[in-house]
Amino acid sequence: MIRGAIFDMDGTLLDSMPIWDNAGALYLASLDIRAEPGLGKRLFPMTVPEAAAYLKQTCALSLSVAQIEEGIRGTVRDFYFFKAELKPGAAGFLQRMQARGIRMAVATVTDRNCTEAALARTGVLGMFDAVLTADEAGCGKDRPDLYLLAARSIGTQPGQTLVFEDALYAARTASSAGFVTVGVFDESGRETQSSLRRECRYYLSDFTDFAAFAADALK
């Protein structure tokens, strides 16, 4: 019987993946510099310090790497604090989960300040019994520590806990740790959707049909 649910934030609850593709270009735009084509794809696998060093070199910026890094982080912070929005149907879905007595947590690789700001501004922070970040777990979602920490925080075992994820690698990690996985479509992961469907016990194209999901997953 399902007693708990752990939700990824970016690309699952929030329509926020574009900021990670566009943060570098948006930062450069604030300096009146036009980004090179394909910049987002080049920066995506980099850490923020690596991205800052890349921008300094390729754009011949006079700012220090530390200043550029802070500028990129500021661009991302502004998005979460003032712009990030929930995916359609997400708030109602969470309300219905809560009404069924399902204890819920957020498990995200985004830092706590940005996470709590976005969830509070969109009106759903109070629905969660816990919010956990990768920093607190000491690793990313290539290991199950974050999910296990989240499950402990809401008092559930993996086999009675749903994990909602849009990223294939993260869903695989959760599945391998015994969680009941729910794939969630996000445009940023369109190329891996068929694999995500196969990996996960359940799959949601969106959050608008809670009744159908509940009849299958919460019966």
C-alpha atoms as a PDB file:
ATOM      1  CA  MET A   1       0.000   0.000   0.000  1.00  0.00           C
ATOM      2  CA  ILE A   2       1.362   3.395  -0.978  1.00  0.00           C
ATOM      3  CA  ARG A   3       1.931   5.640   2.038  1.00  0.00           C
ATOM      4  CA  GLY A   4       4.397   8.220   0.711  1.00  0.00           C
ATOM      5  CA  ALA A   5       5.443  10.124  -2.392  1.00  0.00           C
ATOM      6  CA  ILE A   6       8.726  11.814  -3.284  1.00  0.00           C
ATOM      7  CA  PHE A   7       8.662  14.435  -6.023  1.00  0.00           C
ATOM      8  CA  ASP A   8      11.547  15.715  -8.073  1.00  0.00           C
ATOM      9  CA  MET A   9      11.146  19.457  -8.643  1.00  0.00           C
ATOM     10  CA  ASP A  10      12.782  20.611 -11.892  1.00  0.00           C
ATOM     11  CA  GLY A  11      11.010  19.228 -14.934  1.00  0.00           C
ATOM     12  CA  THR A  12       8.577  17.285 -12.738  1.00  0.00           C
ATOM     13  CA  LEU A  13       6.658  19.779 -10.592  1.00  0.00           C
ATOM     14  CA  LEU A  14       8.127  22.940 -12.090  1.00  0.00           C
ATOM     15  CA  ASP A  15       8.433  23.918 -15.730  1.00  0.00           C
ATOM     16  CA  SER A  16      11.993  24.973 -14.977  1.00  0.00           C
ATOM     17  CA  MET A  17      14.366  23.012 -17.185  1.00  0.00           C
ATOM     18  CA  PRO A  18      14.725  25.857 -19.731  1.00  0.00           C
ATOM     19  CA  ILE A  19      16.564  28.003 -17.170  1.00  0.00           C
ATOM     20  CA  TRP A  20      19.384  25.462 -17.071  1.00  0.00           C
ATOM     21  CA  ASP A  21      19.584  25.559 -20.871  1.00  0.00           C
ATOM     22  CA  ASN A  22      19.432  29.352 -21.030  1.00  0.00           C
ATOM     23  CA  ALA A  23      21.137  30.657 -17.869  1.00  0.00           C
ATOM     24  CA  GLY A  24      24.386  31.418 -19.664  1.00  0.00           C
ATOM     25  CA  ALA A  25      22.673  33.210 -22.531  1.00  0.00           C
ATOM     26  CA  LEU A  26      20.460  35.200 -20.144  1.00  0.00           C
ATOM     27  CA  TYR A  27      23.477  36.229 -18.112  1.00  0.00           C
ATOM     28  CA  LEU A  28      25.314  37.368 -21.230  1.00  0.00           C
ATOM     29  CA  ALA A  29      22.215  39.275 -22.345  1.00  0.00           C
ATOM     30  CA  SER A  30      22.345  41.203 -19.060  1.00  0.00           C
ATOM     31  CA  LEU A  31      25.810  42.331 -20.200  1.00  0.00           C
ATOM     32  CA  ASP A  32      24.498  43.218 -23.679  1.00  0.00           C
ATOM     33  CA  ILE A  33      26.392  40.280 -25.194  1.00  0.00           C
ATOM     34  CA  ARG A  34      24.740  37.944 -27.671  1.00  0.00           C
ATOM     35  CA  ALA A  35      25.299  34.256 -26.898  1.00  0.00           C
ATOM     36  CA  GLU A  36      26.882  31.960 -29.454  1.00  0.00           C
ATOM     37  CA  PRO A  37      24.516  29.411 -31.077  1.00  0.00           C
ATOM     38  CA  GLY A  38      24.194  26.211 -29.046  1.00  0.00           C
ATOM     39  CA  LEU A  39      25.643  27.736 -25.874  1.00  0.00           C
ATOM     40  CA  GLY A  40      23.098  26.023 -23.636  1.00  0.00           C
ATOM     41  CA  LYS A  41      24.086  22.548 -24.822  1.00  0.00           C
ATOM     42  CA  ARG A  42      27.765  23.339 -24.280  1.00  0.00           C
ATOM     43  CA  LEU A  43      27.206  24.617 -20.750  1.00  0.00           C
ATOM     44  CA  PHE A  44      24.631  22.050 -19.602  1.00  0.00           C
ATOM     45  CA  PRO A  45      27.113  19.333 -18.507  1.00  0.00           C
ATOM     46  CA  MET A  46      29.416  21.866 -16.798  1.00  0.00           C
ATOM     47  CA  THR A  47      29.443  22.974 -13.193  1.00  0.00           C
ATOM     48  CA  VAL A  48      28.736  26.670 -12.613  1.00  0.00           C
ATOM     49  CA  PRO A  49      32.460  27.449 -12.052  1.00  0.00           C
ATOM     50  CA  GLU A  50      33.328  25.596 -15.279  1.00  0.00           C
ATOM     51  CA  ALA A  51      30.634  27.500 -17.159  1.00  0.00           C
ATOM     52  CA  ALA A  52      31.923  30.790 -15.766  1.00  0.00           C
ATOM     53  CA  ALA A  53      35.460  29.982 -16.896  1.00  0.00           C
ATOM     54  CA  TYR A  54      34.176  29.023 -20.353  1.00  0.00           C
ATOM     55  CA  LEU A  55      32.259  32.282 -20.729  1.00  0.00           C
ATOM     56  CA  LYS A  56      35.238  34.329 -19.569  1.00  0.00           C
ATOM     57  CA  GLN A  57      37.480  32.736 -22.155  1.00  0.00           C
ATOM     58  CA  THR A  58      35.134  32.544 -25.130  1.00  0.00           C
ATOM     59  CA  CYS A  59      33.521  35.960 -24.623  1.00  0.00           C
ATOM     60  CA  ALA A  60      36.719  37.723 -23.482  1.00  0.00           C
ATOM     61  CA  LEU A  61      34.946  39.052 -20.385  1.00  0.00           C
ATOM     62  CA  SER A  62      36.905  41.440 -18.171  1.00  0.00           C
ATOM     63  CA  LEU A  63      35.096  40.155 -15.072  1.00  0.00           C
ATOM     64  CA  SER A  64      36.738  37.522 -12.888  1.00  0.00           C
ATOM     65  CA  VAL A  65      35.546  33.923 -13.000  1.00  0.00           C
ATOM     66  CA  ALA A  66      34.114  34.392  -9.488  1.00  0.00           C
ATOM     67  CA  GLN A  67      32.137  37.446 -10.606  1.00  0.00           C
ATOM     68  CA  ILE A  68      30.804  35.615 -13.653  1.00  0.00           C
ATOM     69  CA  GLU A  69      29.884  32.631 -11.506  1.00  0.00           C
ATOM     70  CA  GLU A  70      27.924  34.869  -9.140  1.00  0.00           C
ATOM     71  CA  GLY A  71      26.201  36.490 -12.106  1.00  0.00           C
ATOM     72  CA  ILE A  72      25.070  33.120 -13.448  1.00  0.00           C
ATOM     73  CA  ARG A  73      23.866  32.049 -10.013  1.00  0.00           C
ATOM     74  CA  GLY A  74      22.002  35.346  -9.683  1.00  0.00           C
ATOM     75  CA  THR A  75      20.243  34.712 -12.999  1.00  0.00           C
ATOM     76  CA  VAL A  76      19.143  31.286 -11.774  1.00  0.00           C
ATOM     77  CA  ARG A  77      18.070  32.640  -8.368  1.00  0.00           C
ATOM     78  CA  ASP A  78      15.950  35.344  -9.991  1.00  0.00           C
ATOM     79  CA  PHE A  79      14.161  32.700 -12.030  1.00  0.00           C
ATOM     80  CA  TYR A  80      13.243  30.576  -9.022  1.00  0.00           C
ATOM     81  CA  PHE A  81      12.360  33.505  -6.783  1.00  0.00           C
ATOM     82  CA  PHE A  82      10.241  35.392  -9.319  1.00  0.00           C
ATOM     83  CA  LYS A  83       9.422  33.409 -12.460  1.00  0.00           C
ATOM     84  CA  ALA A  84       9.305  29.607 -12.090  1.00  0.00           C
ATOM     85  CA  GLU A  85       5.805  28.144 -12.474  1.00  0.00           C
ATOM     86  CA  LEU A  86       4.201  24.829 -11.658  1.00  0.00           C
ATOM     87  CA  LYS A  87       3.321  22.484 -14.462  1.00  0.00           C
ATOM     88  CA  PRO A  88      -0.386  22.448 -15.371  1.00  0.00           C
ATOM     89  CA  GLY A  89      -2.421  20.418 -12.894  1.00  0.00           C
ATOM     90  CA  ALA A  90       0.426  19.962 -10.408  1.00  0.00           C
ATOM     91  CA  ALA A  91      -1.164  21.926  -7.547  1.00  0.00           C
ATOM     92  CA  GLY A  92      -4.447  20.031  -7.794  1.00  0.00           C
ATOM     93  CA  PHE A  93      -2.622  16.713  -8.044  1.00  0.00           C
ATOM     94  CA  LEU A  94      -0.699  17.473  -4.852  1.00  0.00           C
ATOM     95  CA  GLN A  95      -3.882  18.541  -3.063  1.00  0.00           C
ATOM     96  CA  ARG A  96      -5.549  15.253  -3.931  1.00  0.00           C
ATOM     97  CA  MET A  97      -2.530  13.254  -2.825  1.00  0.00           C
ATOM     98  CA  GLN A  98      -2.555  15.140   0.473  1.00  0.00           C
ATOM     99  CA  ALA A  99      -6.298  14.537   0.903  1.00  0.00           C
ATOM    100  CA  ARG A 100      -5.647  10.797   0.645  1.00  0.00           C
ATOM    101  CA  GLY A 101      -3.205  10.965   3.525  1.00  0.00           C
ATOM    102  CA  ILE A 102      -0.107  10.425   1.386  1.00  0.00           C
ATOM    103  CA  ARG A 103       2.939  11.940   3.075  1.00  0.00           C
ATOM    104  CA  MET A 104       4.982  13.891   0.555  1.00  0.00           C
ATOM    105  CA  ALA A 105       8.548  15.114   0.163  1.00  0.00           C
ATOM    106  CA  VAL A 106      10.543  16.986  -2.444  1.00  0.00           C
ATOM    107  CA  ALA A 107      13.958  15.605  -3.423  1.00  0.00           C
ATOM    108  CA  THR A 108      15.918  17.956  -5.667  1.00  0.00           C
ATOM    109  CA  VAL A 109      19.421  18.817  -6.815  1.00  0.00           C
ATOM    110  CA  THR A 110      18.541  22.525  -6.725  1.00  0.00           C
ATOM    111  CA  ASP A 111      19.715  24.421  -3.647  1.00  0.00           C
ATOM    112  CA  ARG A 112      17.339  24.896  -0.723  1.00  0.00           C
ATOM    113  CA  ASN A 113      16.895  28.658  -1.013  1.00  0.00           C
ATOM    114  CA  CYS A 114      15.775  28.462  -4.634  1.00  0.00           C
ATOM    115  CA  THR A 115      13.673  25.371  -4.000  1.00  0.00           C
ATOM    116  CA  GLU A 116      11.748  26.785  -1.061  1.00  0.00           C
ATOM    117  CA  ALA A 117      11.320  30.174  -2.736  1.00  0.00           C
ATOM    118  CA  ALA A 118       9.787  28.648  -5.868  1.00  0.00           C
ATOM    119  CA  LEU A 119       7.540  26.218  -4.002  1.00  0.00           C
ATOM    120  CA  ALA A 120       6.368  28.904  -1.576  1.00  0.00           C
ATOM    121  CA  ARG A 121       5.649  31.431  -4.326  1.00  0.00           C
ATOM    122  CA  THR A 122       3.630  28.864  -6.278  1.00  0.00           C
ATOM    123  CA  GLY A 123       1.633  27.967  -3.157  1.00  0.00           C
ATOM    124  CA  VAL A 124       2.605  24.327  -2.639  1.00  0.00           C
ATOM    125  CA  LEU A 125       5.457  24.369  -0.113  1.00  0.00           C
ATOM    126  CA  GLY A 126       3.091  23.747   2.807  1.00  0.00           C
ATOM    127  CA  MET A 127       1.809  20.533   1.227  1.00  0.00           C
ATOM    128  CA  PHE A 128       5.143  18.799   1.719  1.00  0.00           C
ATOM    129  CA  ASP A 129       6.202  17.130   4.930  1.00  0.00           C
ATOM    130  CA  ALA A 130       9.877  17.481   3.993  1.00  0.00           C
ATOM    131  CA  VAL A 131      12.158  19.129   1.444  1.00  0.00           C
ATOM    132  CA  LEU A 132      15.541  17.479   0.822  1.00  0.00           C
ATOM    133  CA  THR A 133      18.387  18.585  -1.431  1.00  0.00           C
ATOM    134  CA  ALA A 134      21.355  16.806  -2.966  1.00  0.00           C
ATOM    135  CA  ASP A 135      23.681  18.973  -0.864  1.00  0.00           C
ATOM    136  CA  GLU A 136      22.139  17.497   2.277  1.00  0.00           C
ATOM    137  CA  ALA A 137      22.401  13.941   0.942  1.00  0.00           C
ATOM    138  CA  GLY A 138      26.006  14.499  -0.123  1.00  0.00           C
ATOM    139  CA  CYS A 139      25.473  13.214  -3.653  1.00  0.00           C
ATOM    140  CA  GLY A 140      23.342  13.581  -6.746  1.00  0.00           C
ATOM    141  CA  LYS A 141      20.665  11.289  -8.092  1.00  0.00           C
ATOM    142  CA  ASP A 142      23.113   8.834  -9.592  1.00  0.00           C
ATOM    143  CA  ARG A 143      23.013   7.293  -6.100  1.00  0.00           C
ATOM    144  CA  PRO A 144      19.874   6.541  -4.045  1.00  0.00           C
ATOM    145  CA  ASP A 145      20.926   8.401  -0.886  1.00  0.00           C
ATOM    146  CA  LEU A 146      18.672  11.402  -1.525  1.00  0.00           C
ATOM    147  CA  TYR A 147      15.586   9.245  -2.044  1.00  0.00           C
ATOM    148  CA  LEU A 148      16.354   7.140   1.018  1.00  0.00           C
ATOM    149  CA  LEU A 149      16.835  10.272   3.110  1.00  0.00           C
ATOM    150  CA  ALA A 150      13.524  11.654   1.844  1.00  0.00           C
ATOM    151  CA  ALA A 151      11.707   8.400   2.633  1.00  0.00           C
ATOM    152  CA  ARG A 152      13.098   8.357   6.167  1.00  0.00           C
ATOM    153  CA  SER A 153      12.001  11.951   6.641  1.00  0.00           C
ATOM    154  CA  ILE A 154       8.367  11.037   5.902  1.00  0.00           C
ATOM    155  CA  GLY A 155       8.514   7.684   7.688  1.00  0.00           C
ATOM    156  CA  THR A 156       7.973   5.338   4.741  1.00  0.00           C
ATOM    157  CA  GLN A 157       9.789   2.391   3.208  1.00  0.00           C
ATOM    158  CA  PRO A 158      10.867   2.382  -0.464  1.00  0.00           C
ATOM    159  CA  GLY A 159       8.323  -0.256  -1.482  1.00  0.00           C
ATOM    160  CA  GLN A 160       5.454   1.874  -0.189  1.00  0.00           C
ATOM    161  CA  THR A 161       6.762   5.140  -1.631  1.00  0.00           C
ATOM    162  CA  LEU A 162       6.196   6.624  -5.082  1.00  0.00           C
ATOM    163  CA  VAL A 163       9.032   8.572  -6.712  1.00  0.00           C
ATOM    164  CA  PHE A 164       7.997  11.037  -9.438  1.00  0.00           C
ATOM    165  CA  GLU A 165      10.816  11.819 -11.885  1.00  0.00           C
ATOM    166  CA  ASP A 166      11.216  13.261 -15.373  1.00  0.00           C
ATOM    167  CA  ALA A 167      14.869  12.181 -15.769  1.00  0.00           C
ATOM    168  CA  LEU A 168      15.563   8.639 -16.915  1.00  0.00           C
ATOM    169  CA  TYR A 169      18.820   8.224 -14.972  1.00  0.00           C
ATOM    170  CA  ALA A 170      17.148   9.393 -11.748  1.00  0.00           C
ATOM    171  CA  ALA A 171      14.173   7.072 -12.224  1.00  0.00           C
ATOM    172  CA  ARG A 172      16.597   4.183 -12.706  1.00  0.00           C
ATOM    173  CA  THR A 173      18.362   5.075  -9.469  1.00  0.00           C
ATOM    174  CA  ALA A 174      15.071   5.159  -7.553  1.00  0.00           C
ATOM    175  CA  SER A 175      13.879   1.887  -9.111  1.00  0.00           C
ATOM    176  CA  SER A 176      17.113   0.143  -8.194  1.00  0.00           C
ATOM    177  CA  ALA A 177      16.590   1.167  -4.558  1.00  0.00           C
ATOM    178  CA  GLY A 178      13.140  -0.437  -4.475  1.00  0.00           C
ATOM    179  CA  PHE A 179      10.951   2.652  -4.905  1.00  0.00           C
ATOM    180  CA  VAL A 180       7.782   2.607  -6.993  1.00  0.00           C
ATOM    181  CA  THR A 181       8.631   4.969  -9.832  1.00  0.00           C
ATOM    182  CA  VAL A 182       6.366   7.311 -11.783  1.00  0.00           C
ATOM    183  CA  GLY A 183       7.739   8.836 -14.970  1.00  0.00           C
ATOM    184  CA  VAL A 184       6.584  12.384 -15.728  1.00  0.00           C
ATOM    185  CA  PHE A 185       6.822  13.848 -19.206  1.00  0.00           C
ATOM    186  CA  ASP A 186       8.916  16.962 -19.705  1.00  0.00           C
ATOM    187  CA  GLU A 187       9.750  18.517 -23.061  1.00  0.00           C
ATOM    188  CA  SER A 188      13.449  18.601 -22.165  1.00  0.00           C
ATOM    189  CA  GLY A 189      13.475  14.795 -22.003  1.00  0.00           C
ATOM    190  CA  ARG A 190      11.359  14.053 -25.063  1.00  0.00           C
ATOM    191  CA  GLU A 191      14.087  11.872 -26.630  1.00  0.00           C
ATOM    192  CA  THR A 192      14.120   9.494 -23.641  1.00  0.00           C
ATOM    193  CA  GLN A 193      10.365   9.179 -23.031  1.00  0.00           C
ATOM    194  CA  SER A 194      10.001   5.667 -24.428  1.00  0.00           C
ATOM    195  CA  SER A 195      12.806   4.492 -22.133  1.00  0.00           C
ATOM    196  CA  LEU A 196      11.285   6.361 -19.181  1.00  0.00           C
ATOM    197  CA  ARG A 197       7.944   4.618 -19.781  1.00  0.00           C
ATOM    198  CA  ARG A 198       9.638   1.220 -19.770  1.00  0.00           C
ATOM    199  CA  GLU A 199      11.681   2.003 -16.658  1.00  0.00           C
ATOM    200  CA  CYS A 200       8.832   3.243 -14.491  1.00  0.00           C
ATOM    201  CA  ARG A 201       5.892   1.370 -12.992  1.00  0.00           C
ATOM    202  CA  TYR A 202       3.596   4.249 -13.918  1.00  0.00           C
ATOM    203  CA  TYR A 203       3.809   7.143 -16.359  1.00  0.00           C
ATOM    204  CA  LEU A 204       2.126  10.552 -16.488  1.00  0.00           C
ATOM    205  CA  SER A 205       1.898  12.679 -19.606  1.00  0.00           C
ATOM    206  CA  ASP A 206       0.751  15.485 -17.292  1.00  0.00           C
ATOM    207  CA  PHE A 207      -0.862  16.012 -13.879  1.00  0.00           C
ATOM    208  CA  THR A 208      -4.400  16.714 -15.032  1.00  0.00           C
ATOM    209  CA  ASP A 209      -6.025  13.288 -14.567  1.00  0.00           C
ATOM    210  CA  PHE A 210      -5.575  12.373 -10.922  1.00  0.00           C
ATOM    211  CA  ALA A 211      -8.553  10.004 -10.892  1.00  0.00           C
ATOM    212  CA  ALA A 212      -7.049   7.703 -13.524  1.00  0.00           C
ATOM    213  CA  PHE A 213      -3.685   7.703 -11.776  1.00  0.00           C
ATOM    214  CA  ALA A 214      -5.221   6.997  -8.358  1.00  0.00           C
ATOM    215  CA  ALA A 215      -7.334   4.153  -9.718  1.00  0.00           C
ATOM    216  CA  ASP A 216      -4.155   2.456 -10.940  1.00  0.00           C
ATOM    217  CA  ALA A 217      -1.404   3.439  -8.488  1.00  0.00           C
ATOM    218  CA  LEU A 218      -3.313   4.116  -5.243  1.00  0.00           C
ATOM    219  CA  LYS A 219      -5.911   1.371  -5.367  1.00  0.00           C
END
